[in-house]
């Protein structure tokens, strides 16, 4: 069964999560359920998604949650290896197979024996290697360059690409028979622009994770920064968001990261009007932070001090981007939670 956490570093309410990923949107919950199902079988998995959506993280989660989780996870980026070297990288070679082959070398397929082989950007796989990979998927055997014996290998294949693989088939750049062999189970990873409030959760997570890279860590994000992040299309997806937050952490001049710091707005856009409603929300957040601090982050005691129920306090903490690392529901636990201050002035 897949490793699904009820409340990870970036989540909100309890629900399924993909190990190593941050998000609580409907698309990510659906993906987590499909990852759990895919991890329970041994069929090849194909991951479709834009660049920067986290395909390798999903592949790793499938491997760790499967019965092969204790065995090797071996990855290769098919677009980063010169076509002339791809065959030897995948299947290895025997000593003397070519000039400079002074000793036998294992290929990535054989290195993944018992575990999982992740083929990233599989659309860039050369035709010669496509034929060899198809033979391996059909027979479970490989032959090294310069070798005369076939070698039995048990490795599950997880492949991924940001390209339209069927178009590559239609254009004659990818074998149709290999396409169907790889695409037994297809999982689509949603782009960041379709993930709603996950954008804010990821930005807050990046702020916490990379806090050690700066001498003076910003306290959070301005309301206009949060609005700008949710309005932006994020062509580079999660990778782009993390890089923008890391740069803004270094370059921000104020205590809060603005839209201009993220390069998502101009100076005029950052001149916010402080309304009564905004001031009230900021005061509410400050009161919660002080109560939690005075009570060593024990939510039950802080709720009593504030004169509200523990469930109401949990709801307010989520509203203000103050997330609690816990399992289960608020009603089921009275443990001492770890509170992470994620957001700044919320929109």
Protein backbone atom coordinates (compact mmCIF):
# COMPACT_ATOMS: atom_id res chain seq x y z
CA UNK A 1 0.00 0.00 0.00
CA UNK A 2 1.29 3.48 -0.87
CA UNK A 3 2.69 5.69 1.84
CA UNK A 4 -0.14 8.13 2.33
CA UNK A 5 0.09 10.64 5.16
CA UNK A 6 -2.93 12.27 6.76
CA UNK A 7 -1.11 15.56 7.38
CA UNK A 8 2.30 16.29 5.89
CA UNK A 9 4.45 19.41 5.76
CA UNK A 10 2.18 21.29 3.44
CA UNK A 11 -1.26 19.83 3.89
CA UNK A 12 -4.39 21.16 5.35
CA UNK A 13 -7.19 18.83 6.36
CA UNK A 14 -6.61 15.12 6.76
CA UNK A 15 -6.49 13.24 3.46
CA UNK A 16 -4.31 11.11 1.21
CA UNK A 17 -0.85 12.41 0.34
CA UNK A 18 1.96 11.23 -1.90
CA UNK A 19 5.12 10.56 0.08
CA UNK A 20 7.49 13.50 -0.43
CA UNK A 21 4.96 15.81 -2.10
CA UNK A 22 3.07 18.83 -0.75
CA UNK A 23 -0.53 19.45 -1.70
CA UNK A 24 -4.15 19.05 -0.67
CA UNK A 25 -6.04 19.86 -3.88
CA UNK A 26 -8.59 17.53 -5.42
CA UNK A 27 -6.23 16.68 -8.28
CA UNK A 28 -3.45 15.67 -5.89
CA UNK A 29 -5.83 13.61 -3.74
CA UNK A 30 -7.02 11.72 -6.80
CA UNK A 31 -3.43 11.19 -7.91
CA UNK A 32 -2.51 9.87 -4.43
CA UNK A 33 -5.28 7.27 -4.63
CA UNK A 34 -4.10 6.14 -8.06
CA UNK A 35 -0.48 5.99 -6.87
CA UNK A 36 -1.59 3.69 -4.03
CA UNK A 37 -3.30 1.38 -6.50
CA UNK A 38 -0.38 1.41 -8.94
CA UNK A 39 2.09 0.64 -6.15
CA UNK A 40 0.16 -2.52 -5.29
CA UNK A 41 0.86 -4.21 -8.62
CA UNK A 42 3.93 -4.83 -10.76
CA UNK A 43 2.72 -3.48 -14.12
CA UNK A 44 4.65 -0.77 -15.98
CA UNK A 45 3.54 2.77 -15.12
CA UNK A 46 3.63 5.79 -17.41
CA UNK A 47 3.68 9.27 -15.85
CA UNK A 48 2.36 12.13 -17.98
CA UNK A 49 2.97 15.68 -16.86
CA UNK A 50 4.56 18.99 -17.71
CA UNK A 51 8.15 19.82 -16.84
CA UNK A 52 8.56 20.62 -13.16
CA UNK A 53 5.41 18.87 -11.89
CA UNK A 54 7.30 16.27 -9.85
CA UNK A 55 7.28 13.14 -12.02
CA UNK A 56 10.39 11.70 -10.36
CA UNK A 57 8.88 12.25 -6.90
CA UNK A 58 5.80 10.29 -7.98
CA UNK A 59 7.98 7.52 -9.43
CA UNK A 60 9.94 7.34 -6.18
CA UNK A 61 6.72 7.21 -4.15
CA UNK A 62 5.42 4.32 -6.26
CA UNK A 63 8.67 2.43 -5.73
CA UNK A 64 8.84 3.02 -1.97
CA UNK A 65 5.23 1.98 -1.46
CA UNK A 66 5.56 -1.20 -3.53
CA UNK A 67 6.89 -4.60 -2.51
CA UNK A 68 10.13 -3.55 -4.21
CA UNK A 69 10.60 -0.61 -1.83
CA UNK A 70 13.67 -2.11 -0.15
CA UNK A 71 15.44 -2.76 -3.46
CA UNK A 72 17.24 -0.30 -5.79
CA UNK A 73 15.51 2.62 -7.47
CA UNK A 74 17.55 3.48 -10.55
CA UNK A 75 16.77 6.49 -12.71
CA UNK A 76 18.05 7.68 -16.05
CA UNK A 77 17.17 10.79 -18.05
CA UNK A 78 16.90 9.56 -21.62
CA UNK A 79 17.21 13.10 -22.96
CA UNK A 80 20.53 13.75 -21.20
CA UNK A 81 22.48 10.78 -22.62
CA UNK A 82 23.98 10.99 -26.14
CA UNK A 83 22.24 8.47 -28.46
CA UNK A 84 25.58 6.74 -29.14
CA UNK A 85 25.99 5.95 -25.43
CA UNK A 86 22.40 5.10 -24.53
CA UNK A 87 22.65 1.38 -25.35
CA UNK A 88 25.66 0.84 -23.10
CA UNK A 89 24.15 3.01 -20.33
CA UNK A 90 20.97 0.98 -20.29
CA UNK A 91 22.30 -2.53 -20.85
CA UNK A 92 25.99 -2.36 -19.95
CA UNK A 93 28.91 -3.93 -21.77
CA UNK A 94 31.46 -6.70 -21.51
CA UNK A 95 35.17 -6.11 -21.28
CA UNK A 96 36.63 -5.57 -24.74
CA UNK A 97 33.26 -4.74 -26.31
CA UNK A 98 34.80 -1.59 -27.80
CA UNK A 99 37.93 0.51 -27.50
CA UNK A 100 38.28 1.68 -23.93
CA UNK A 101 36.04 -1.02 -22.43
CA UNK A 102 38.68 -2.29 -20.01
CA UNK A 103 36.24 -3.96 -17.66
CA UNK A 104 32.67 -5.21 -17.52
CA UNK A 105 30.09 -2.53 -16.70
CA UNK A 106 26.57 -3.01 -15.43
CA UNK A 107 23.81 -1.12 -17.24
CA UNK A 108 20.99 0.72 -15.51
CA UNK A 109 18.52 -2.09 -16.22
CA UNK A 110 20.68 -4.68 -14.48
CA UNK A 111 21.43 -2.28 -11.62
CA UNK A 112 17.68 -2.10 -10.99
CA UNK A 113 17.33 -5.88 -10.57
CA UNK A 114 14.69 -6.56 -7.93
CA UNK A 115 13.68 -2.89 -7.86
CA UNK A 116 12.43 -0.16 -10.17
CA UNK A 117 13.93 1.44 -13.28
CA UNK A 118 12.72 5.01 -13.89
CA UNK A 119 13.03 6.18 -17.49
CA UNK A 120 12.61 9.95 -17.48
CA UNK A 121 11.95 11.73 -20.80
CA UNK A 122 11.43 8.33 -22.42
CA UNK A 123 10.25 10.03 -25.64
CA UNK A 124 13.92 10.84 -26.34
CA UNK A 125 14.98 7.18 -26.31
CA UNK A 126 16.83 6.27 -29.58
CA UNK A 127 15.21 3.69 -31.86
CA UNK A 128 17.94 1.09 -31.24
CA UNK A 129 17.39 1.32 -27.50
CA UNK A 130 13.62 1.23 -27.98
CA UNK A 131 13.93 -2.17 -29.65
CA UNK A 132 16.18 -3.50 -26.86
CA UNK A 133 13.85 -2.16 -24.16
CA UNK A 134 10.85 -3.76 -25.85
CA UNK A 135 12.69 -7.10 -25.92
CA UNK A 136 13.42 -6.77 -22.20
CA UNK A 137 9.77 -5.99 -21.40
CA UNK A 138 8.63 -9.03 -23.41
CA UNK A 139 11.26 -11.55 -22.25
CA UNK A 140 12.65 -10.21 -18.97
CA UNK A 141 16.17 -10.66 -20.33
CA UNK A 142 18.93 -8.37 -21.59
CA UNK A 143 22.18 -8.81 -23.47
CA UNK A 144 25.18 -6.60 -22.79
CA UNK A 145 27.19 -5.05 -25.61
CA UNK A 146 29.85 -7.54 -26.57
CA UNK A 147 28.11 -10.28 -24.59
CA UNK A 148 26.88 -13.63 -25.88
CA UNK A 149 24.54 -14.67 -23.08
CA UNK A 150 21.18 -13.26 -22.11
CA UNK A 151 20.86 -12.15 -18.50
CA UNK A 152 17.66 -12.56 -16.53
CA UNK A 153 16.62 -9.26 -14.89
CA UNK A 154 13.56 -8.54 -12.74
CA UNK A 155 12.94 -4.80 -12.76
CA UNK A 156 9.72 -2.82 -12.86
CA UNK A 157 9.60 -0.01 -15.42
CA UNK A 158 8.22 3.43 -14.58
CA UNK A 159 8.54 5.89 -17.46
CA UNK A 160 7.72 9.56 -17.86
CA UNK A 161 7.83 12.40 -20.34
CA UNK A 162 6.54 15.93 -20.69
CA UNK A 163 6.09 15.37 -24.44
CA UNK A 164 3.06 13.98 -26.27
CA UNK A 165 4.20 10.37 -26.65
CA UNK A 166 1.38 9.40 -28.97
CA UNK A 167 2.36 12.24 -31.32
CA UNK A 168 5.90 10.81 -31.32
CA UNK A 169 4.39 7.46 -32.32
CA UNK A 170 2.33 9.11 -35.05
CA UNK A 171 5.43 10.89 -36.37
CA UNK A 172 7.44 7.66 -36.42
CA UNK A 173 9.85 8.69 -33.63
CA UNK A 174 8.58 6.17 -31.10
CA UNK A 175 7.51 2.56 -31.51
CA UNK A 176 3.79 1.93 -31.11
CA UNK A 177 4.36 -1.52 -29.59
CA UNK A 178 6.71 -0.08 -26.97
CA UNK A 179 4.24 2.74 -26.28
CA UNK A 180 1.54 0.22 -25.36
CA UNK A 181 3.98 -1.86 -23.29
CA UNK A 182 5.01 1.15 -21.21
CA UNK A 183 1.54 2.65 -20.84
CA UNK A 184 -0.21 -0.17 -18.99
CA UNK A 185 -1.08 2.21 -16.15
CA UNK A 186 -1.07 5.94 -16.91
CA UNK A 187 -0.98 8.56 -14.18
CA UNK A 188 -1.38 12.25 -15.05
CA UNK A 189 0.30 14.73 -12.73
CA UNK A 190 -1.70 17.99 -12.68
CA UNK A 191 0.13 21.21 -13.52
CA UNK A 192 0.51 23.74 -10.71
CA UNK A 193 -2.00 26.16 -12.25
CA UNK A 194 -4.74 23.53 -11.70
CA UNK A 195 -3.91 22.93 -8.04
CA UNK A 196 -5.62 25.90 -6.37
CA UNK A 197 -4.44 26.62 -2.85
CA UNK A 198 -1.58 24.12 -3.23
CA UNK A 199 0.33 27.07 -4.71
CA UNK A 200 0.27 28.85 -1.35
CA UNK A 201 1.05 25.65 0.58
CA UNK A 202 4.06 24.97 -1.65
CA UNK A 203 5.33 28.55 -1.33
CA UNK A 204 5.09 28.35 2.46
CA UNK A 205 6.80 24.96 2.44
CA UNK A 206 9.65 26.36 0.32
CA UNK A 207 9.98 29.30 2.73
CA UNK A 208 10.41 26.93 5.67
CA UNK A 209 12.61 24.41 3.88
CA UNK A 210 15.15 26.96 2.63
CA UNK A 211 15.17 29.17 5.72
CA UNK A 212 18.76 28.14 6.47
CA UNK A 213 20.01 29.67 3.22
CA UNK A 214 19.43 33.24 4.38
CA UNK A 215 20.61 35.16 7.42
CA UNK A 216 17.30 36.97 7.90
CA UNK A 217 14.32 34.84 6.97
CA UNK A 218 11.19 36.68 5.77
CA UNK A 219 8.15 36.14 7.99
CA UNK A 220 5.86 35.24 5.14
CA UNK A 221 4.12 36.66 2.07
CA UNK A 222 2.10 39.82 1.58
CA UNK A 223 -1.53 39.52 0.53
CA UNK A 224 -0.69 40.81 -2.95
CA UNK A 225 2.06 38.19 -3.26
CA UNK A 226 -0.42 35.42 -2.42
CA UNK A 227 -2.89 36.80 -4.98
CA UNK A 228 -0.19 37.14 -7.63
CA UNK A 229 1.01 33.57 -7.09
CA UNK A 230 -2.50 32.19 -7.48
CA UNK A 231 -3.15 34.30 -10.59
CA UNK A 232 0.12 33.34 -12.33
CA UNK A 233 0.09 30.42 -14.83
CA UNK A 234 3.39 28.82 -13.61
CA UNK A 235 4.75 27.44 -16.91
CA UNK A 236 7.68 25.94 -14.98
CA UNK A 237 5.33 24.47 -12.36
CA UNK A 238 6.60 23.54 -8.87
CA UNK A 239 10.26 23.89 -9.82
CA UNK A 240 9.68 27.48 -10.96
CA UNK A 241 7.73 28.36 -7.81
CA UNK A 242 10.46 27.04 -5.51
CA UNK A 243 13.18 28.91 -7.40
CA UNK A 244 11.22 32.18 -7.30
CA UNK A 245 10.64 31.84 -3.56
CA UNK A 246 14.32 31.06 -2.90
CA UNK A 247 15.43 34.10 -4.87
CA UNK A 248 12.87 36.33 -3.17
CA UNK A 249 14.05 35.17 0.26
CA UNK A 250 17.48 36.56 -0.55
CA UNK A 251 16.41 39.73 -2.37
CA UNK A 252 13.36 40.81 -0.34
CA UNK A 253 13.87 44.19 1.34
CA UNK A 254 10.97 43.95 3.78
CA UNK A 255 9.89 41.46 6.44
CA UNK A 256 7.35 39.94 4.04
CA UNK A 257 7.91 38.71 0.48
CA UNK A 258 5.96 40.84 -1.99
CA UNK A 259 4.73 40.17 -5.51
CA UNK A 260 7.55 42.38 -6.77
CA UNK A 261 10.11 40.26 -4.86
CA UNK A 262 8.70 37.21 -6.68
CA UNK A 263 8.88 39.14 -9.97
CA UNK A 264 5.13 38.73 -10.31
CA UNK A 265 4.13 42.37 -9.88
CA UNK A 266 5.36 45.98 -10.02
CA UNK A 267 5.93 48.51 -7.28
CA UNK A 268 2.45 49.97 -7.61
CA UNK A 269 0.85 46.58 -7.23
CA UNK A 270 2.52 46.16 -3.86
CA UNK A 271 1.05 49.31 -2.35
CA UNK A 272 -1.79 47.56 -0.54
CA UNK A 273 -4.74 49.34 1.01
CA UNK A 274 -5.05 48.19 4.61
CA UNK A 275 -8.79 47.67 5.07
CA UNK A 276 -10.54 47.05 8.38
CA UNK A 277 -11.13 43.45 7.32
CA UNK A 278 -7.43 42.93 6.52
CA UNK A 279 -6.39 44.55 9.81
CA UNK A 280 -8.84 42.33 11.69
CA UNK A 281 -7.45 39.18 10.05
CA UNK A 282 -3.88 40.19 10.79
CA UNK A 283 -4.79 40.89 14.42
CA UNK A 284 -6.52 37.52 14.66
CA UNK A 285 -3.43 35.77 13.29
CA UNK A 286 -1.15 37.62 15.72
CA UNK A 287 -3.37 36.67 18.67
CA UNK A 288 -3.25 33.00 17.65
CA UNK A 289 0.53 33.07 17.27
CA UNK A 290 0.97 34.66 20.71
CA UNK A 291 -1.40 32.18 22.39
CA UNK A 292 0.38 29.22 20.81
CA UNK A 293 3.76 30.59 21.83
CA UNK A 294 2.64 31.17 25.44
CA UNK A 295 1.29 27.62 25.66
CA UNK A 296 4.30 25.88 24.06
CA UNK A 297 2.22 25.23 20.91
CA UNK A 298 -0.29 23.04 22.76
CA UNK A 299 -3.41 23.68 20.72
CA UNK A 300 -5.89 22.66 23.42
CA UNK A 301 -4.45 25.07 25.99
CA UNK A 302 -4.15 27.89 23.46
CA UNK A 303 -7.79 27.40 22.47
CA UNK A 304 -8.88 27.64 26.11
CA UNK A 305 -6.94 30.89 26.50
CA UNK A 306 -8.55 32.34 23.38
CA UNK A 307 -12.01 31.24 24.51
CA UNK A 308 -12.70 29.02 21.49
CA UNK A 309 -12.86 25.28 20.84
CA UNK A 310 -9.83 23.31 19.74
CA UNK A 311 -11.55 22.47 16.41
CA UNK A 312 -12.22 26.18 15.77
CA UNK A 313 -8.59 26.99 16.52
CA UNK A 314 -7.42 24.33 14.04
CA UNK A 315 -9.71 25.86 11.41
CA UNK A 316 -8.38 29.36 12.07
CA UNK A 317 -4.79 28.13 11.95
CA UNK A 318 -5.40 26.59 8.51
CA UNK A 319 -7.06 29.81 7.33
CA UNK A 320 -4.00 31.83 8.34
CA UNK A 321 -1.45 29.36 6.94
CA UNK A 322 -0.37 28.04 10.36
CA UNK A 323 -0.21 24.32 9.72
CA UNK A 324 -0.01 21.58 12.29
CA UNK A 325 2.02 18.42 11.61
CA UNK A 326 -0.26 15.71 12.92
CA UNK A 327 -2.16 12.56 11.93
CA UNK A 328 -5.85 12.05 12.23
CA UNK A 329 -8.42 14.76 12.82
CA UNK A 330 -8.43 17.58 15.36
CA UNK A 331 -10.98 15.70 17.43
CA UNK A 332 -8.78 12.58 17.59
CA UNK A 333 -5.60 14.05 19.01
CA UNK A 334 -4.49 16.29 21.82
CA UNK A 335 -0.79 15.79 21.23
CA UNK A 336 1.69 18.62 21.23
CA UNK A 337 1.77 19.62 17.54
CA UNK A 338 4.61 21.22 15.63
CA UNK A 339 3.37 24.55 14.34
CA UNK A 340 4.96 25.95 11.20
CA UNK A 341 4.38 29.57 10.30
CA UNK A 342 3.84 29.53 6.60
CA UNK A 343 1.96 32.54 5.31
CA UNK A 344 2.09 36.23 5.85
CA UNK A 345 -0.79 38.57 5.34
CA UNK A 346 -3.48 36.43 3.80
CA UNK A 347 -5.71 37.60 1.02
